[in-house]
Amino acid sequence: MNTKQIVQGQLDAYNAGNLDKFVSYFSNDIKVYKFQESTPYLTCMEKFKAVYKDVFDSSPELKAIIDTRIVFDNKVIDHEKVTGRKGAESSEVIAIYEIENKLITKVVFIKKQ
């Protein structure tokens, strides 16, 4: 599986609300950051899985659509439009995924203000 297929696989599982399949694309020591912050707000699979379980359980209409995708070495940069998330209107984000050993090890989110 190549870098693009890994990121597409997690997106497909996200859109299906399939937690187990979704987390299978991520490293056990996943780190998730907000852009320009040096400390991740999510570290380790246990916390990552708990956050996304809550998101999937509370947002049955959740969908992310890719507007633009750039693949650069071991990174994929997606411009995503997200709808159906409980407690939030539709939003746009840039997600930068870093892949090592066929798993996503790092994600940086840039949210539109």
N, C-alpha and C. Protein backbone atom coordinates (compact mmCIF):
# COMPACT_ATOMS: atom_id res chain seq x y z
N MET A 1 0.85 -1.17 0.00
CA MET A 1 0.00 0.00 0.00
C MET A 1 0.90 1.24 0.00
N ASN A 2 0.63 2.18 -0.90
CA ASN A 2 1.44 3.39 -0.95
C ASN A 2 0.87 4.49 -0.05
N THR A 3 1.60 5.57 0.04
CA THR A 3 1.23 6.68 0.93
C THR A 3 -0.18 7.20 0.64
N LYS A 4 -0.47 7.40 -0.62
CA LYS A 4 -1.79 7.92 -1.01
C LYS A 4 -2.90 6.94 -0.62
N GLN A 5 -2.66 5.64 -0.84
CA GLN A 5 -3.67 4.62 -0.50
C GLN A 5 -3.92 4.55 1.00
N ILE A 6 -2.88 4.74 1.80
CA ILE A 6 -3.03 4.72 3.26
C ILE A 6 -3.94 5.86 3.71
N VAL A 7 -3.66 7.05 3.21
CA VAL A 7 -4.48 8.21 3.61
C VAL A 7 -5.91 8.07 3.07
N GLN A 8 -6.06 7.56 1.85
CA GLN A 8 -7.40 7.35 1.31
C GLN A 8 -8.15 6.30 2.11
N GLY A 9 -7.47 5.26 2.54
CA GLY A 9 -8.10 4.22 3.34
C GLY A 9 -8.64 4.75 4.66
N GLN A 10 -7.85 5.60 5.33
CA GLN A 10 -8.34 6.15 6.59
C GLN A 10 -9.51 7.09 6.34
N LEU A 11 -9.48 7.82 5.23
CA LEU A 11 -10.60 8.72 4.89
C LEU A 11 -11.87 7.92 4.62
N ASP A 12 -11.75 6.84 3.87
CA ASP A 12 -12.92 6.00 3.58
C ASP A 12 -13.50 5.42 4.87
N ALA A 13 -12.64 4.97 5.78
CA ALA A 13 -13.12 4.42 7.07
C ALA A 13 -13.74 5.53 7.92
N TYR A 14 -13.17 6.73 7.89
CA TYR A 14 -13.72 7.89 8.60
C TYR A 14 -15.13 8.17 8.10
N ASN A 15 -15.28 8.23 6.78
CA ASN A 15 -16.59 8.53 6.20
C ASN A 15 -17.61 7.43 6.45
N ALA A 16 -17.16 6.21 6.65
CA ALA A 16 -18.06 5.09 6.96
C ALA A 16 -18.34 4.99 8.47
N GLY A 17 -17.62 5.79 9.28
CA GLY A 17 -17.78 5.72 10.72
C GLY A 17 -17.27 4.40 11.29
N ASN A 18 -16.32 3.78 10.61
CA ASN A 18 -15.80 2.48 11.03
C ASN A 18 -14.53 2.70 11.87
N LEU A 19 -14.72 2.77 13.17
CA LEU A 19 -13.63 3.11 14.08
C LEU A 19 -12.46 2.14 13.98
N ASP A 20 -12.73 0.85 14.03
CA ASP A 20 -11.64 -0.13 14.02
C ASP A 20 -10.82 -0.03 12.73
N LYS A 21 -11.49 0.08 11.61
CA LYS A 21 -10.78 0.21 10.33
C LYS A 21 -10.02 1.53 10.28
N PHE A 22 -10.65 2.62 10.74
CA PHE A 22 -10.03 3.94 10.75
C PHE A 22 -8.71 3.92 11.54
N VAL A 23 -8.75 3.44 12.77
CA VAL A 23 -7.54 3.48 13.60
C VAL A 23 -6.47 2.51 13.12
N SER A 24 -6.84 1.53 12.29
CA SER A 24 -5.86 0.57 11.80
C SER A 24 -4.82 1.22 10.87
N TYR A 25 -5.11 2.40 10.38
CA TYR A 25 -4.18 3.12 9.50
C TYR A 25 -3.17 3.98 10.27
N PHE A 26 -3.30 4.03 11.58
CA PHE A 26 -2.48 4.90 12.40
C PHE A 26 -1.54 4.11 13.30
N SER A 27 -0.37 4.67 13.54
CA SER A 27 0.62 4.09 14.43
C SER A 27 0.13 4.12 15.87
N ASN A 28 0.56 3.18 16.68
CA ASN A 28 0.19 3.18 18.10
C ASN A 28 0.70 4.41 18.84
N ASP A 29 1.76 5.02 18.33
CA ASP A 29 2.27 6.24 18.97
C ASP A 29 1.94 7.48 18.15
N ILE A 30 0.74 7.49 17.56
CA ILE A 30 0.26 8.62 16.77
C ILE A 30 0.34 9.92 17.57
N LYS A 31 0.70 10.98 16.86
CA LYS A 31 0.73 12.32 17.46
C LYS A 31 -0.07 13.24 16.55
N VAL A 32 -1.01 13.99 17.16
CA VAL A 32 -1.86 14.90 16.40
C VAL A 32 -1.64 16.31 16.95
N TYR A 33 -1.38 17.23 16.03
CA TYR A 33 -1.03 18.61 16.39
C TYR A 33 -2.00 19.59 15.76
N LYS A 34 -2.14 20.73 16.42
CA LYS A 34 -2.71 21.91 15.80
C LYS A 34 -1.54 22.67 15.20
N PHE A 35 -1.75 23.25 14.04
CA PHE A 35 -0.70 23.95 13.32
C PHE A 35 0.00 24.97 14.20
N GLN A 36 1.29 24.99 14.15
CA GLN A 36 2.20 25.90 14.86
C GLN A 36 2.28 25.63 16.36
N GLU A 37 1.76 24.52 16.82
CA GLU A 37 1.92 24.16 18.22
C GLU A 37 2.95 23.03 18.30
N SER A 38 3.82 23.13 19.28
CA SER A 38 4.90 22.15 19.38
C SER A 38 4.53 20.93 20.23
N THR A 39 3.42 21.04 20.94
CA THR A 39 2.98 19.93 21.78
C THR A 39 1.73 19.31 21.17
N PRO A 40 1.74 18.02 20.93
CA PRO A 40 0.54 17.39 20.35
C PRO A 40 -0.62 17.39 21.34
N TYR A 41 -1.84 17.53 20.82
CA TYR A 41 -3.01 17.46 21.70
C TYR A 41 -3.56 16.05 21.80
N LEU A 42 -3.11 15.17 20.92
CA LEU A 42 -3.44 13.75 21.04
C LEU A 42 -2.16 12.96 20.89
N THR A 43 -1.90 12.10 21.84
CA THR A 43 -0.74 11.22 21.78
C THR A 43 -1.19 9.83 22.19
N CYS A 44 -0.78 8.86 21.50
CA CYS A 44 -1.02 7.44 21.77
C CYS A 44 -2.39 6.98 21.24
N MET A 45 -2.43 5.75 20.88
CA MET A 45 -3.62 5.16 20.27
C MET A 45 -4.81 5.17 21.21
N GLU A 46 -4.60 4.94 22.49
CA GLU A 46 -5.72 4.88 23.44
C GLU A 46 -6.52 6.19 23.41
N LYS A 47 -5.84 7.32 23.52
CA LYS A 47 -6.53 8.62 23.50
C LYS A 47 -7.12 8.90 22.13
N PHE A 48 -6.36 8.60 21.09
CA PHE A 48 -6.82 8.83 19.72
C PHE A 48 -8.11 8.07 19.45
N LYS A 49 -8.13 6.80 19.83
CA LYS A 49 -9.31 5.97 19.60
C LYS A 49 -10.51 6.47 20.41
N ALA A 50 -10.28 6.89 21.64
CA ALA A 50 -11.37 7.40 22.49
C ALA A 50 -12.00 8.65 21.89
N VAL A 51 -11.16 9.56 21.39
CA VAL A 51 -11.67 10.80 20.79
C VAL A 51 -12.51 10.48 19.56
N TYR A 52 -12.00 9.64 18.68
CA TYR A 52 -12.74 9.35 17.46
C TYR A 52 -13.94 8.45 17.69
N LYS A 53 -13.94 7.64 18.72
CA LYS A 53 -15.14 6.87 19.08
C LYS A 53 -16.26 7.83 19.43
N ASP A 54 -15.94 8.84 20.23
CA ASP A 54 -16.93 9.85 20.61
C ASP A 54 -17.42 10.61 19.38
N VAL A 55 -16.49 11.00 18.51
CA VAL A 55 -16.88 11.73 17.29
C VAL A 55 -17.81 10.87 16.43
N PHE A 56 -17.44 9.63 16.17
CA PHE A 56 -18.26 8.77 15.33
C PHE A 56 -19.61 8.48 15.96
N ASP A 57 -19.63 8.22 17.28
CA ASP A 57 -20.88 7.91 17.96
C ASP A 57 -21.85 9.09 17.95
N SER A 58 -21.32 10.31 18.05
CA SER A 58 -22.19 11.49 18.15
C SER A 58 -22.47 12.16 16.80
N SER A 59 -21.84 11.66 15.74
CA SER A 59 -21.96 12.31 14.43
C SER A 59 -22.20 11.29 13.32
N PRO A 60 -23.39 10.71 13.27
CA PRO A 60 -23.64 9.66 12.28
C PRO A 60 -23.60 10.15 10.82
N GLU A 61 -23.73 11.44 10.61
CA GLU A 61 -23.71 12.00 9.25
C GLU A 61 -22.34 12.57 8.88
N LEU A 62 -21.34 12.27 9.67
CA LEU A 62 -20.00 12.81 9.46
C LEU A 62 -19.42 12.41 8.11
N LYS A 63 -18.90 13.40 7.38
CA LYS A 63 -18.26 13.15 6.10
C LYS A 63 -17.15 14.17 5.88
N ALA A 64 -16.07 13.71 5.29
CA ALA A 64 -14.99 14.59 4.85
C ALA A 64 -14.81 14.38 3.36
N ILE A 65 -14.79 15.48 2.63
CA ILE A 65 -14.61 15.44 1.18
C ILE A 65 -13.31 16.15 0.86
N ILE A 66 -12.50 15.53 0.04
CA ILE A 66 -11.21 16.11 -0.33
C ILE A 66 -11.41 17.08 -1.48
N ASP A 67 -11.02 18.32 -1.26
CA ASP A 67 -11.04 19.33 -2.31
C ASP A 67 -9.76 19.25 -3.13
N THR A 68 -8.62 19.13 -2.43
CA THR A 68 -7.31 19.05 -3.07
C THR A 68 -6.43 18.09 -2.28
N ARG A 69 -5.64 17.30 -3.00
CA ARG A 69 -4.70 16.39 -2.33
C ARG A 69 -3.34 16.54 -3.00
N ILE A 70 -2.31 16.67 -2.16
CA ILE A 70 -0.93 16.72 -2.64
C ILE A 70 -0.17 15.59 -1.94
N VAL A 71 0.51 14.78 -2.73
CA VAL A 71 1.37 13.73 -2.18
C VAL A 71 2.81 14.18 -2.39
N PHE A 72 3.56 14.24 -1.30
CA PHE A 72 4.94 14.72 -1.36
C PHE A 72 5.79 13.84 -0.46
N ASP A 73 6.57 12.97 -1.07
CA ASP A 73 7.42 12.04 -0.33
C ASP A 73 6.54 11.19 0.60
N ASN A 74 6.79 11.22 1.90
CA ASN A 74 6.01 10.42 2.84
C ASN A 74 4.90 11.23 3.50
N LYS A 75 4.52 12.33 2.86
CA LYS A 75 3.46 13.19 3.40
C LYS A 75 2.33 13.34 2.40
N VAL A 76 1.12 13.44 2.94
CA VAL A 76 -0.05 13.75 2.13
C VAL A 76 -0.71 14.97 2.75
N ILE A 77 -0.99 15.95 1.91
CA ILE A 77 -1.62 17.19 2.36
C ILE A 77 -3.00 17.25 1.73
N ASP A 78 -4.02 17.21 2.57
CA ASP A 78 -5.41 17.25 2.09
C ASP A 78 -6.08 18.54 2.51
N HIS A 79 -6.78 19.16 1.57
CA HIS A 79 -7.71 20.25 1.88
C HIS A 79 -9.07 19.58 1.97
N GLU A 80 -9.61 19.52 3.19
CA GLU A 80 -10.83 18.76 3.46
C GLU A 80 -11.99 19.68 3.82
N LYS A 81 -13.16 19.31 3.35
CA LYS A 81 -14.40 19.96 3.78
C LYS A 81 -15.16 18.92 4.59
N VAL A 82 -15.42 19.26 5.85
CA VAL A 82 -16.03 18.31 6.79
C VAL A 82 -17.44 18.77 7.12
N THR A 83 -18.39 17.85 7.02
CA THR A 83 -19.78 18.15 7.36
C THR A 83 -20.31 17.07 8.30
N GLY A 84 -21.39 17.40 9.00
CA GLY A 84 -22.08 16.41 9.83
C GLY A 84 -21.49 16.16 11.19
N ARG A 85 -20.53 16.98 11.60
CA ARG A 85 -19.94 16.79 12.92
C ARG A 85 -20.82 17.47 13.97
N LYS A 86 -21.27 16.71 14.94
CA LYS A 86 -22.16 17.24 15.97
C LYS A 86 -21.49 18.41 16.69
N GLY A 87 -22.25 19.47 16.87
CA GLY A 87 -21.75 20.64 17.60
C GLY A 87 -20.91 21.57 16.75
N ALA A 88 -20.79 21.29 15.47
CA ALA A 88 -19.98 22.15 14.60
C ALA A 88 -20.65 22.28 13.24
N GLU A 89 -20.58 23.47 12.70
CA GLU A 89 -21.06 23.65 11.34
C GLU A 89 -20.02 23.02 10.42
N SER A 90 -20.31 23.02 9.14
CA SER A 90 -19.32 22.50 8.21
C SER A 90 -18.04 23.31 8.35
N SER A 91 -16.92 22.65 8.11
CA SER A 91 -15.64 23.33 8.29
C SER A 91 -14.67 22.92 7.20
N GLU A 92 -13.63 23.70 7.08
CA GLU A 92 -12.55 23.39 6.15
C GLU A 92 -11.27 23.26 6.96
N VAL A 93 -10.50 22.26 6.64
CA VAL A 93 -9.21 22.06 7.29
C VAL A 93 -8.17 21.62 6.27
N ILE A 94 -6.94 21.90 6.59
CA ILE A 94 -5.81 21.29 5.90
C ILE A 94 -5.29 20.23 6.87
N ALA A 95 -5.15 19.02 6.38
CA ALA A 95 -4.60 17.94 7.19
C ALA A 95 -3.30 17.48 6.52
N ILE A 96 -2.24 17.47 7.29
CA ILE A 96 -0.95 17.01 6.80
C ILE A 96 -0.64 15.69 7.50
N TYR A 97 -0.63 14.62 6.73
CA TYR A 97 -0.40 13.28 7.25
C TYR A 97 1.03 12.87 6.96
N GLU A 98 1.71 12.32 7.95
CA GLU A 98 3.06 11.80 7.75
C GLU A 98 3.02 10.29 7.95
N ILE A 99 3.57 9.57 6.99
CA ILE A 99 3.50 8.12 7.00
C ILE A 99 4.90 7.52 7.15
N GLU A 100 5.02 6.55 8.06
CA GLU A 100 6.25 5.78 8.24
C GLU A 100 5.87 4.33 8.45
N ASN A 101 6.57 3.43 7.79
CA ASN A 101 6.30 1.99 7.90
C ASN A 101 4.84 1.64 7.64
N LYS A 102 4.27 2.31 6.63
CA LYS A 102 2.90 2.06 6.16
C LYS A 102 1.82 2.40 7.18
N LEU A 103 2.15 3.29 8.15
CA LEU A 103 1.16 3.78 9.11
C LEU A 103 1.29 5.29 9.24
N ILE A 104 0.18 5.94 9.54
CA ILE A 104 0.20 7.38 9.78
C ILE A 104 0.74 7.60 11.19
N THR A 105 1.85 8.35 11.28
CA THR A 105 2.49 8.58 12.58
C THR A 105 2.25 9.97 13.12
N LYS A 106 1.88 10.88 12.24
CA LYS A 106 1.72 12.27 12.67
C LYS A 106 0.67 12.94 11.78
N VAL A 107 -0.18 13.76 12.42
CA VAL A 107 -1.15 14.56 11.68
C VAL A 107 -1.08 15.98 12.24
N VAL A 108 -1.04 16.95 11.33
CA VAL A 108 -1.10 18.36 11.71
C VAL A 108 -2.34 18.94 11.04
N PHE A 109 -3.19 19.59 11.84
CA PHE A 109 -4.41 20.21 11.32
C PHE A 109 -4.27 21.73 11.31
N ILE A 110 -4.66 22.31 10.21
CA ILE A 110 -4.76 23.77 10.09
C ILE A 110 -6.24 24.04 9.85
N LYS A 111 -6.87 24.75 10.77
CA LYS A 111 -8.30 25.04 10.64
C LYS A 111 -8.50 26.44 10.07
N LYS A 112 -9.47 26.54 9.19
CA LYS A 112 -9.81 27.84 8.61
C LYS A 112 -10.45 28.70 9.68
N GLN A 113 -10.03 29.95 9.73
CA GLN A 113 -10.55 30.83 10.79
C GLN A 113 -11.64 31.73 10.29
